[in-house]
Amino acid sequence: MNVIANGEGAASAQIAPAKLERIRRSRAMIRWWLYGVCLLILAMVVVGGATRLTESGLSITEWKPIHGVIPPLSEAEWEEELEKYRQIPEYQLINKGMSLEEFKFIFWWEWGHRMLGRVIGVAFFVPMVAFWVAGRVEPWLKPRLLLGLALGGLQGFVGWWMVASGLVDRVDVSQYRLATHLTLALIIFAYLFWIARRLTPLEDPLPEERDRLTGLSTVVLAVVFVQMFLGGLVAGLNAGMTFNTWPLMDGQFIPDGLLLLQPVWLNFFENVLTVQFQHRMTAYLLIVLALILMWSTFRVSGRSSLRRSGAHLGGFVLLQAVFGILTLIWQVPLSMALVHQGFAVFVLAASVDHLAALKGAYPVRA
């Protein structure tokens, strides 16, 4: 098929100008809708971090996707919710004697977190149906959007699976499940942001740029995901509340006691010292890789758009490291911790953006 390059991938010469213009307008509407959903996911990550840091995540002990939209409206309903909370280990072992007003504080954080999840579901599903019915969704894009919807539904189940881990034998949720919940949210963000960026009329990348930068850009994105999963383990174990010095831990760069637990593999997920140490070391690795990628991008490419994406990635990673250090040495104040968690999404977005610039826009097909 004959194609012509137009900065949106390869547009078919067989497409009538009016139809091509409609495709371009449809893509613009869809990508701005997806950007909006990504912003809501960013807000969800921040609110989720606040829910964790305020120890609010177990305040609602039931999963009611529909009925749970309505919070307690009377004193009797509030007392009923508090009585349910009194049955779980977190109340009995940590918060025994909590007043109703204190309970309301943690309840509203968890309710807001769950409500925002519902808002994201509606904000994705309703416009998707509207665009679909209006014929704005290209055939190749339909299964991709359905996969995004399925991932959102899965995230709801994973969220409850996480909460359920703290309702019986524990006083908090499993760090494994919390890290999984956070990582899946970030996968959904990256997936939707990737689609949105490639629906943008990007410049077509040069073969040399693709050949020399795509591999390293992919590695950086993979390390970003690993680091975010490790951050979830840190949050799940409250590992940031310990060893609040930098660059040393317990007076050493490589502290003693990293492999105390048996079997050895447990240390990487359950030893607070090891979990924080590997989060630090992966951060150093990510800084090195991001700066190499930025330098390589400037060396290989003369295009301002690709250079800009490389500079954003390198700068964001350095800034995120500063936020992480401040969060640690200030002993995890809520505001700084939320900046650190929220800005991780910007690092992820920059990683996806750089790789999307190397891939180019989705081709316009006849």
Foldseek 3Di string as FASTA:
>chain_A
DDWDADLQATEDPPDDPVVVVLLLVLLVVLLVLLVVLLVLLLVLLLLVLLLLVLVLQQLAPDDDLPVLLDQDDDPVSLVVSVVLVCQFPLCVPPVPPPDSVNSVVSPVSNSVSSNSLVVSLCSLPVVVVVCVVVVSADPVCVVLSVVLNVLSVVLSVLSVVQNNQRGYDHSHGALQSQLVSQLSSLVSSLSSLLQSLQSDSHGADDPQCLVPQLVLLVVLLVLLSVLSSLVSLCSRQVLLLAQLDPPARPNHNDDPDQQVDPPRVVSCRPVSVNSVSVSVVSLVVSLVSLVVSLVVQVVRDPDPQLNVLSVQLNVLSVVLVVLSSCCRNVSRDSVSVSVSSSSSSVNSSSSSNNNSSSVGHDYHDD
